[in-house]
């Protein structure tokens, strides 16, 4: 499967955006909680779940950007 350079570039841009946003959301905690393990707020837990989903989507976009890329025995891209 071959995809174009524009698709690869946009996939990488989307992966970076989703990765940064996902990491920010994954580290969310409410102000009254001392640690992440003690969190009981369902709103904060939902935001964390969205962050984990965005991280997964970022990994998928990286996989899409690398689809069809092959290298020869010398490490050169075909």
PDB file of N, CA and C in Angstrom:
ATOM      1  N   UNK A   1       0.852  -1.175   0.000  1.00  0.00           N
ATOM      2  CA  UNK A   1       0.000   0.000   0.000  1.00  0.00           C
ATOM      3  C   UNK A   1       0.892   1.231   0.000  1.00  0.00           C
ATOM      4  N   UNK A   2       0.621   2.128  -0.885  1.00  0.00           N
ATOM      5  CA  UNK A   2       1.375   3.383  -0.957  1.00  0.00           C
ATOM      6  C   UNK A   2       0.435   4.532  -0.640  1.00  0.00           C
ATOM      7  N   UNK A   3       0.925   5.448   0.161  1.00  0.00           N
ATOM      8  CA  UNK A   3       0.179   6.672   0.424  1.00  0.00           C
ATOM      9  C   UNK A   3       1.084   7.850   0.094  1.00  0.00           C
ATOM     10  N   UNK A   4       0.462   8.979  -0.215  1.00  0.00           N
ATOM     11  CA  UNK A   4       1.210  10.139  -0.657  1.00  0.00           C
ATOM     12  C   UNK A   4       1.921  10.870   0.462  1.00  0.00           C
ATOM     13  N   UNK A   5       2.795  11.775   0.051  1.00  0.00           N
ATOM     14  CA  UNK A   5       3.574  12.552   1.011  1.00  0.00           C
ATOM     15  C   UNK A   5       2.675  13.458   1.849  1.00  0.00           C
ATOM     16  N   UNK A   6       1.638  14.019   1.236  1.00  0.00           N
ATOM     17  CA  UNK A   6       0.730  14.900   1.980  1.00  0.00           C
ATOM     18  C   UNK A   6      -0.005  14.125   3.068  1.00  0.00           C
ATOM     19  N   UNK A   7      -0.421  12.906   2.756  1.00  0.00           N
ATOM     20  CA  UNK A   7      -1.103  12.077   3.751  1.00  0.00           C
ATOM     21  C   UNK A   7      -0.169  11.721   4.895  1.00  0.00           C
ATOM     22  N   UNK A   8       1.071  11.398   4.561  1.00  0.00           N
ATOM     23  CA  UNK A   8       2.060  11.104   5.607  1.00  0.00           C
ATOM     24  C   UNK A   8       2.283  12.318   6.503  1.00  0.00           C
ATOM     25  N   UNK A   9       2.462  13.478   5.877  1.00  0.00           N
ATOM     26  CA  UNK A   9       2.711  14.696   6.643  1.00  0.00           C
ATOM     27  C   UNK A   9       1.532  15.024   7.555  1.00  0.00           C
ATOM     28  N   UNK A  10       0.311  14.961   7.018  1.00  0.00           N
ATOM     29  CA  UNK A  10      -0.865  15.267   7.834  1.00  0.00           C
ATOM     30  C   UNK A  10      -1.072  14.233   8.943  1.00  0.00           C
ATOM     31  N   UNK A  11      -0.713  12.998   8.687  1.00  0.00           N
ATOM     32  CA  UNK A  11      -0.809  11.970   9.733  1.00  0.00           C
ATOM     33  C   UNK A  11       0.160  12.256  10.875  1.00  0.00           C
ATOM     34  N   UNK A  12       1.364  12.688  10.536  1.00  0.00           N
ATOM     35  CA  UNK A  12       2.338  13.025  11.575  1.00  0.00           C
ATOM     36  C   UNK A  12       1.882  14.251  12.357  1.00  0.00           C
ATOM     37  N   UNK A  13       1.353  15.256  11.655  1.00  0.00           N
ATOM     38  CA  UNK A  13       0.846  16.456  12.338  1.00  0.00           C
ATOM     39  C   UNK A  13      -0.289  16.084  13.291  1.00  0.00           C
ATOM     40  N   UNK A  14      -1.212  15.252  12.827  1.00  0.00           N
ATOM     41  CA  UNK A  14      -2.324  14.820  13.680  1.00  0.00           C
ATOM     42  C   UNK A  14      -1.815  14.018  14.868  1.00  0.00           C
ATOM     43  N   UNK A  15      -0.818  13.167  14.648  1.00  0.00           N
ATOM     44  CA  UNK A  15      -0.265  12.362  15.739  1.00  0.00           C
ATOM     45  C   UNK A  15       0.391  13.240  16.800  1.00  0.00           C
ATOM     46  N   UNK A  16       1.133  14.251  16.364  1.00  0.00           N
ATOM     47  CA  UNK A  16       1.786  15.153  17.327  1.00  0.00           C
ATOM     48  C   UNK A  16       0.731  15.923  18.118  1.00  0.00           C
ATOM     49  N   UNK A  17      -0.267  16.460  17.425  1.00  0.00           N
ATOM     50  CA  UNK A  17      -1.324  17.211  18.102  1.00  0.00           C
ATOM     51  C   UNK A  17      -2.066  16.337  19.108  1.00  0.00           C
ATOM     52  N   UNK A  18      -2.483  15.146  18.679  1.00  0.00           N
ATOM     53  CA  UNK A  18      -3.212  14.251  19.577  1.00  0.00           C
ATOM     54  C   UNK A  18      -2.336  13.766  20.721  1.00  0.00           C
ATOM     55  N   UNK A  19      -1.065  13.539  20.443  1.00  0.00           N
ATOM     56  CA  UNK A  19      -0.160  13.099  21.501  1.00  0.00           C
ATOM     57  C   UNK A  19       0.026  14.149  22.584  1.00  0.00           C
ATOM     58  N   UNK A  20       0.233  15.389  22.176  1.00  0.00           N
ATOM     59  CA  UNK A  20       0.411  16.471  23.154  1.00  0.00           C
ATOM     60  C   UNK A  20      -0.879  16.700  23.941  1.00  0.00           C
ATOM     61  N   UNK A  21      -2.002  16.759  23.238  1.00  0.00           N
ATOM     62  CA  UNK A  21      -3.281  16.963  23.921  1.00  0.00           C
ATOM     63  C   UNK A  21      -3.605  15.786  24.837  1.00  0.00           C
ATOM     64  N   UNK A  22      -3.313  14.575  24.385  1.00  0.00           N
ATOM     65  CA  UNK A  22      -3.579  13.394  25.192  1.00  0.00           C
ATOM     66  C   UNK A  22      -2.738  13.341  26.450  1.00  0.00           C
ATOM     67  N   UNK A  23      -1.465  13.702  26.346  1.00  0.00           N
ATOM     68  CA  UNK A  23      -0.612  13.719  27.534  1.00  0.00           C
ATOM     69  C   UNK A  23      -1.085  14.757  28.538  1.00  0.00           C
ATOM     70  N   UNK A  24      -1.537  15.896  28.029  1.00  0.00           N
ATOM     71  CA  UNK A  24      -2.048  16.938  28.915  1.00  0.00           C
ATOM     72  C   UNK A  24      -3.308  16.455  29.649  1.00  0.00           C
ATOM     73  N   UNK A  25      -4.212  15.810  28.936  1.00  0.00           N
ATOM     74  CA  UNK A  25      -5.450  15.327  29.553  1.00  0.00           C
ATOM     75  C   UNK A  25      -5.194  14.120  30.464  1.00  0.00           C
ATOM     76  N   UNK A  26      -4.235  13.288  30.095  1.00  0.00           N
ATOM     77  CA  UNK A  26      -3.959  12.096  30.881  1.00  0.00           C
ATOM     78  C   UNK A  26      -3.436  12.471  32.269  1.00  0.00           C
ATOM     79  N   UNK A  27      -2.788  13.611  32.388  1.00  0.00           N
ATOM     80  CA  UNK A  27      -2.213  14.019  33.673  1.00  0.00           C
ATOM     81  C   UNK A  27      -3.163  14.881  34.498  1.00  0.00           C
ATOM     82  N   UNK A  28      -4.421  14.950  34.128  1.00  0.00           N
ATOM     83  CA  UNK A  28      -5.383  15.792  34.846  1.00  0.00           C
ATOM     84  C   UNK A  28      -5.675  15.235  36.236  1.00  0.00           C
ATOM     85  N   UNK A  29      -5.837  16.138  37.192  1.00  0.00           N
ATOM     86  CA  UNK A  29      -6.285  15.751  38.528  1.00  0.00           C
ATOM     87  C   UNK A  29      -7.007  16.941  39.151  1.00  0.00           C
ATOM     88  N   UNK A  30      -7.942  16.650  40.030  1.00  0.00           N
ATOM     89  CA  UNK A  30      -8.684  17.724  40.678  1.00  0.00           C
ATOM     90  C   UNK A  30      -7.816  18.369  41.756  1.00  0.00           C
ATOM     91  N   UNK A  31      -8.145  19.580  42.124  1.00  0.00           N
ATOM     92  CA  UNK A  31      -7.286  20.349  43.033  1.00  0.00           C
ATOM     93  C   UNK A  31      -7.266  19.794  44.451  1.00  0.00           C
ATOM     94  N   UNK A  32      -8.311  19.104  44.875  1.00  0.00           N
ATOM     95  CA  UNK A  32      -8.349  18.633  46.256  1.00  0.00           C
ATOM     96  C   UNK A  32      -7.708  17.263  46.457  1.00  0.00           C
ATOM     97  N   UNK A  33      -7.320  16.590  45.397  1.00  0.00           N
ATOM     98  CA  UNK A  33      -6.718  15.265  45.520  1.00  0.00           C
ATOM     99  C   UNK A  33      -5.207  15.375  45.630  1.00  0.00           C
ATOM    100  N   UNK A  34      -4.652  14.599  46.538  1.00  0.00           N
ATOM    101  CA  UNK A  34      -3.213  14.631  46.755  1.00  0.00           C
ATOM    102  C   UNK A  34      -2.424  13.837  45.734  1.00  0.00           C
ATOM    103  N   UNK A  35      -2.993  12.734  45.243  1.00  0.00           N
ATOM    104  CA  UNK A  35      -2.284  11.915  44.262  1.00  0.00           C
ATOM    105  C   UNK A  35      -3.262  11.442  43.195  1.00  0.00           C
ATOM    106  N   UNK A  36      -2.696  10.907  42.136  1.00  0.00           N
ATOM    107  CA  UNK A  36      -3.522  10.437  41.024  1.00  0.00           C
ATOM    108  C   UNK A  36      -4.298   9.181  41.384  1.00  0.00           C
ATOM    109  N   UNK A  37      -3.751   8.358  42.257  1.00  0.00           N
ATOM    110  CA  UNK A  37      -4.402   7.098  42.626  1.00  0.00           C
ATOM    111  C   UNK A  37      -5.636   7.311  43.488  1.00  0.00           C
ATOM    112  N   UNK A  38      -5.707   8.423  44.207  1.00  0.00           N
ATOM    113  CA  UNK A  38      -6.836   8.700  45.099  1.00  0.00           C
ATOM    114  C   UNK A  38      -7.995   9.397  44.394  1.00  0.00           C
ATOM    115  N   UNK A  39      -7.874   9.654  43.112  1.00  0.00           N
ATOM    116  CA  UNK A  39      -8.874  10.431  42.386  1.00  0.00           C
ATOM    117  C   UNK A  39     -10.227   9.726  42.374  1.00  0.00           C
ATOM    118  N   UNK A  40     -11.291  10.470  42.722  1.00  0.00           N
ATOM    119  CA  UNK A  40     -12.642   9.918  42.715  1.00  0.00           C
ATOM    120  C   UNK A  40     -13.592  10.725  41.839  1.00  0.00           C
ATOM    121  N   UNK A  41     -13.178  11.861  41.350  1.00  0.00           N
ATOM    122  CA  UNK A  41     -14.040  12.704  40.528  1.00  0.00           C
ATOM    123  C   UNK A  41     -14.270  12.041  39.172  1.00  0.00           C
ATOM    124  N   UNK A  42     -15.531  11.785  38.860  1.00  0.00           N
ATOM    125  CA  UNK A  42     -15.824  11.116  37.587  1.00  0.00           C
ATOM    126  C   UNK A  42     -15.508  12.014  36.398  1.00  0.00           C
ATOM    127  N   UNK A  43     -15.600  13.318  36.560  1.00  0.00           N
ATOM    128  CA  UNK A  43     -15.269  14.233  35.467  1.00  0.00           C
ATOM    129  C   UNK A  43     -13.777  14.155  35.128  1.00  0.00           C
ATOM    130  N   UNK A  44     -12.950  14.127  36.151  1.00  0.00           N
ATOM    131  CA  UNK A  44     -11.508  14.036  35.920  1.00  0.00           C
ATOM    132  C   UNK A  44     -11.146  12.670  35.346  1.00  0.00           C
ATOM    133  N   UNK A  45     -11.778  11.631  35.841  1.00  0.00           N
ATOM    134  CA  UNK A  45     -11.513  10.300  35.307  1.00  0.00           C
ATOM    135  C   UNK A  45     -11.939  10.194  33.852  1.00  0.00           C
ATOM    136  N   UNK A  46     -13.017  10.870  33.472  1.00  0.00           N
ATOM    137  CA  UNK A  46     -13.453  10.882  32.075  1.00  0.00           C
ATOM    138  C   UNK A  46     -12.452  11.626  31.200  1.00  0.00           C
ATOM    139  N   UNK A  47     -11.915  12.731  31.700  1.00  0.00           N
ATOM    140  CA  UNK A  47     -10.909  13.481  30.938  1.00  0.00           C
ATOM    141  C   UNK A  47      -9.666  12.626  30.743  1.00  0.00           C
ATOM    142  N   UNK A  48      -9.265  11.897  31.778  1.00  0.00           N
ATOM    143  CA  UNK A  48      -8.115  11.000  31.635  1.00  0.00           C
ATOM    144  C   UNK A  48      -8.367   9.921  30.593  1.00  0.00           C
ATOM    145  N   UNK A  49      -9.575   9.390  30.581  1.00  0.00           N
ATOM    146  CA  UNK A  49      -9.911   8.369  29.585  1.00  0.00           C
ATOM    147  C   UNK A  49      -9.831   8.941  28.175  1.00  0.00           C
ATOM    148  N   UNK A  50     -10.275  10.176  27.999  1.00  0.00           N
ATOM    149  CA  UNK A  50     -10.157  10.828  26.690  1.00  0.00           C
ATOM    150  C   UNK A  50      -8.693  11.016  26.309  1.00  0.00           C
ATOM    151  N   UNK A  51      -7.869  11.340  27.287  1.00  0.00           N
ATOM    152  CA  UNK A  51      -6.444  11.492  27.025  1.00  0.00           C
ATOM    153  C   UNK A  51      -5.813  10.196  26.564  1.00  0.00           C
ATOM    154  N   UNK A  52      -6.196   9.085  27.193  1.00  0.00           N
ATOM    155  CA  UNK A  52      -5.666   7.779  26.794  1.00  0.00           C
ATOM    156  C   UNK A  52      -6.130   7.413  25.392  1.00  0.00           C
ATOM    157  N   UNK A  53      -7.363   7.757  25.061  1.00  0.00           N
ATOM    158  CA  UNK A  53      -7.859   7.513  23.710  1.00  0.00           C
ATOM    159  C   UNK A  53      -7.060   8.316  22.687  1.00  0.00           C
ATOM    160  N   UNK A  54      -6.765   9.564  23.001  1.00  0.00           N
ATOM    161  CA  UNK A  54      -5.988  10.402  22.076  1.00  0.00           C
ATOM    162  C   UNK A  54      -4.582   9.853  21.882  1.00  0.00           C
ATOM    163  N   UNK A  55      -3.986   9.320  22.941  1.00  0.00           N
ATOM    164  CA  UNK A  55      -2.660   8.706  22.815  1.00  0.00           C
ATOM    165  C   UNK A  55      -2.741   7.504  21.873  1.00  0.00           C
ATOM    166  N   UNK A  56      -3.780   6.702  22.017  1.00  0.00           N
ATOM    167  CA  UNK A  56      -3.969   5.556  21.126  1.00  0.00           C
ATOM    168  C   UNK A  56      -4.171   5.975  19.685  1.00  0.00           C
ATOM    169  N   UNK A  57      -4.935   7.026  19.466  1.00  0.00           N
ATOM    170  CA  UNK A  57      -5.124   7.531  18.113  1.00  0.00           C
ATOM    171  C   UNK A  57      -3.822   8.072  17.535  1.00  0.00           C
ATOM    172  N   UNK A  58      -3.011   8.721  18.363  1.00  0.00           N
ATOM    173  CA  UNK A  58      -1.716   9.229  17.899  1.00  0.00           C
ATOM    174  C   UNK A  58      -0.827   8.077  17.438  1.00  0.00           C
ATOM    175  N   UNK A  59      -0.839   6.978  18.182  1.00  0.00           N
ATOM    176  CA  UNK A  59      -0.059   5.809  17.781  1.00  0.00           C
ATOM    177  C   UNK A  59      -0.570   5.271  16.448  1.00  0.00           C
ATOM    178  N   UNK A  60      -1.884   5.267  16.273  1.00  0.00           N
ATOM    179  CA  UNK A  60      -2.467   4.818  15.006  1.00  0.00           C
ATOM    180  C   UNK A  60      -2.085   5.709  13.832  1.00  0.00           C
ATOM    181  N   UNK A  61      -2.044   7.011  14.044  1.00  0.00           N
ATOM    182  CA  UNK A  61      -1.638   7.929  12.973  1.00  0.00           C
ATOM    183  C   UNK A  61      -0.161   7.764  12.626  1.00  0.00           C
ATOM    184  N   UNK A  62       0.668   7.473  13.617  1.00  0.00           N
ATOM    185  CA  UNK A  62       2.073   7.187  13.327  1.00  0.00           C
ATOM    186  C   UNK A  62       2.186   5.915  12.485  1.00  0.00           C
ATOM    187  N   UNK A  63       1.383   4.916  12.813  1.00  0.00           N
ATOM    188  CA  UNK A  63       1.376   3.683  12.020  1.00  0.00           C
ATOM    189  C   UNK A  63       0.910   3.957  10.599  1.00  0.00           C
ATOM    190  N   UNK A  64      -0.096   4.814  10.436  1.00  0.00           N
ATOM    191  CA  UNK A  64      -0.567   5.167   9.094  1.00  0.00           C
ATOM    192  C   UNK A  64       0.526   5.883   8.316  1.00  0.00           C
ATOM    193  N   UNK A  65       1.235   6.780   8.975  1.00  0.00           N
ATOM    194  CA  UNK A  65       2.290   7.527   8.289  1.00  0.00           C
ATOM    195  C   UNK A  65       3.427   6.618   7.838  1.00  0.00           C
ATOM    196  N   UNK A  66       3.623   5.511   8.532  1.00  0.00           N
ATOM    197  CA  UNK A  66       4.715   4.610   8.163  1.00  0.00           C
ATOM    198  C   UNK A  66       4.259   3.462   7.266  1.00  0.00           C
ATOM    199  N   UNK A  67       2.998   3.419   6.899  1.00  0.00           N
ATOM    200  CA  UNK A  67       2.489   2.331   6.055  1.00  0.00           C
ATOM    201  C   UNK A  67       3.123   2.391   4.667  1.00  0.00           C
ATOM    202  N   UNK A  68       3.577   1.271   4.206  1.00  0.00           N
ATOM    203  CA  UNK A  68       4.145   1.180   2.869  1.00  0.00           C
ATOM    204  C   UNK A  68       5.587   1.624   2.772  1.00  0.00           C
ATOM    205  N   UNK A  69       6.197   2.007   3.864  1.00  0.00           N
ATOM    206  CA  UNK A  69       7.603   2.406   3.847  1.00  0.00           C
ATOM    207  C   UNK A  69       8.455   1.164   4.013  1.00  0.00           C
ATOM    208  N   UNK A  70       9.406   0.982   3.119  1.00  0.00           N
ATOM    209  CA  UNK A  70      10.294  -0.171   3.222  1.00  0.00           C
ATOM    210  C   UNK A  70      11.737   0.292   3.033  1.00  0.00           C
ATOM    211  N   UNK A  71      12.633  -0.494   3.595  1.00  0.00           N
ATOM    212  CA  UNK A  71      14.055  -0.188   3.534  1.00  0.00           C
ATOM    213  C   UNK A  71      14.799  -1.383   2.972  1.00  0.00           C
ATOM    214  N   UNK A  72      15.901  -1.108   2.247  1.00  0.00           N
ATOM    215  CA  UNK A  72      16.717  -2.213   1.742  1.00  0.00           C
ATOM    216  C   UNK A  72      17.724  -2.647   2.810  1.00  0.00           C
ATOM    217  N   UNK A  73      18.587  -3.586   2.438  1.00  0.00           N
ATOM    218  CA  UNK A  73      19.538  -4.127   3.418  1.00  0.00           C
ATOM    219  C   UNK A  73      20.567  -3.109   3.910  1.00  0.00           C
ATOM    220  N   UNK A  74      20.745  -2.012   3.186  1.00  0.00           N
ATOM    221  CA  UNK A  74      21.685  -0.962   3.596  1.00  0.00           C
ATOM    222  C   UNK A  74      21.022   0.118   4.435  1.00  0.00           C
ATOM    223  N   UNK A  75      19.733  -0.006   4.673  1.00  0.00           N
ATOM    224  CA  UNK A  75      19.022   0.983   5.457  1.00  0.00           C
ATOM    225  C   UNK A  75      18.477   2.155   4.655  1.00  0.00           C
ATOM    226  N   UNK A  76      18.578   2.049   3.330  1.00  0.00           N
ATOM    227  CA  UNK A  76      18.065   3.103   2.457  1.00  0.00           C
ATOM    228  C   UNK A  76      16.586   2.862   2.186  1.00  0.00           C
ATOM    229  N   UNK A  77      15.836   3.952   2.137  1.00  0.00           N
ATOM    230  CA  UNK A  77      14.404   3.838   1.886  1.00  0.00           C
ATOM    231  C   UNK A  77      14.144   3.530   0.423  1.00  0.00           C
ATOM    232  N   UNK A  78      13.258   2.575   0.154  1.00  0.00           N
ATOM    233  CA  UNK A  78      12.891   2.232  -1.233  1.00  0.00           C
ATOM    234  C   UNK A  78      11.864   3.179  -1.770  1.00  0.00           C
TER     235      UNK A  78
END
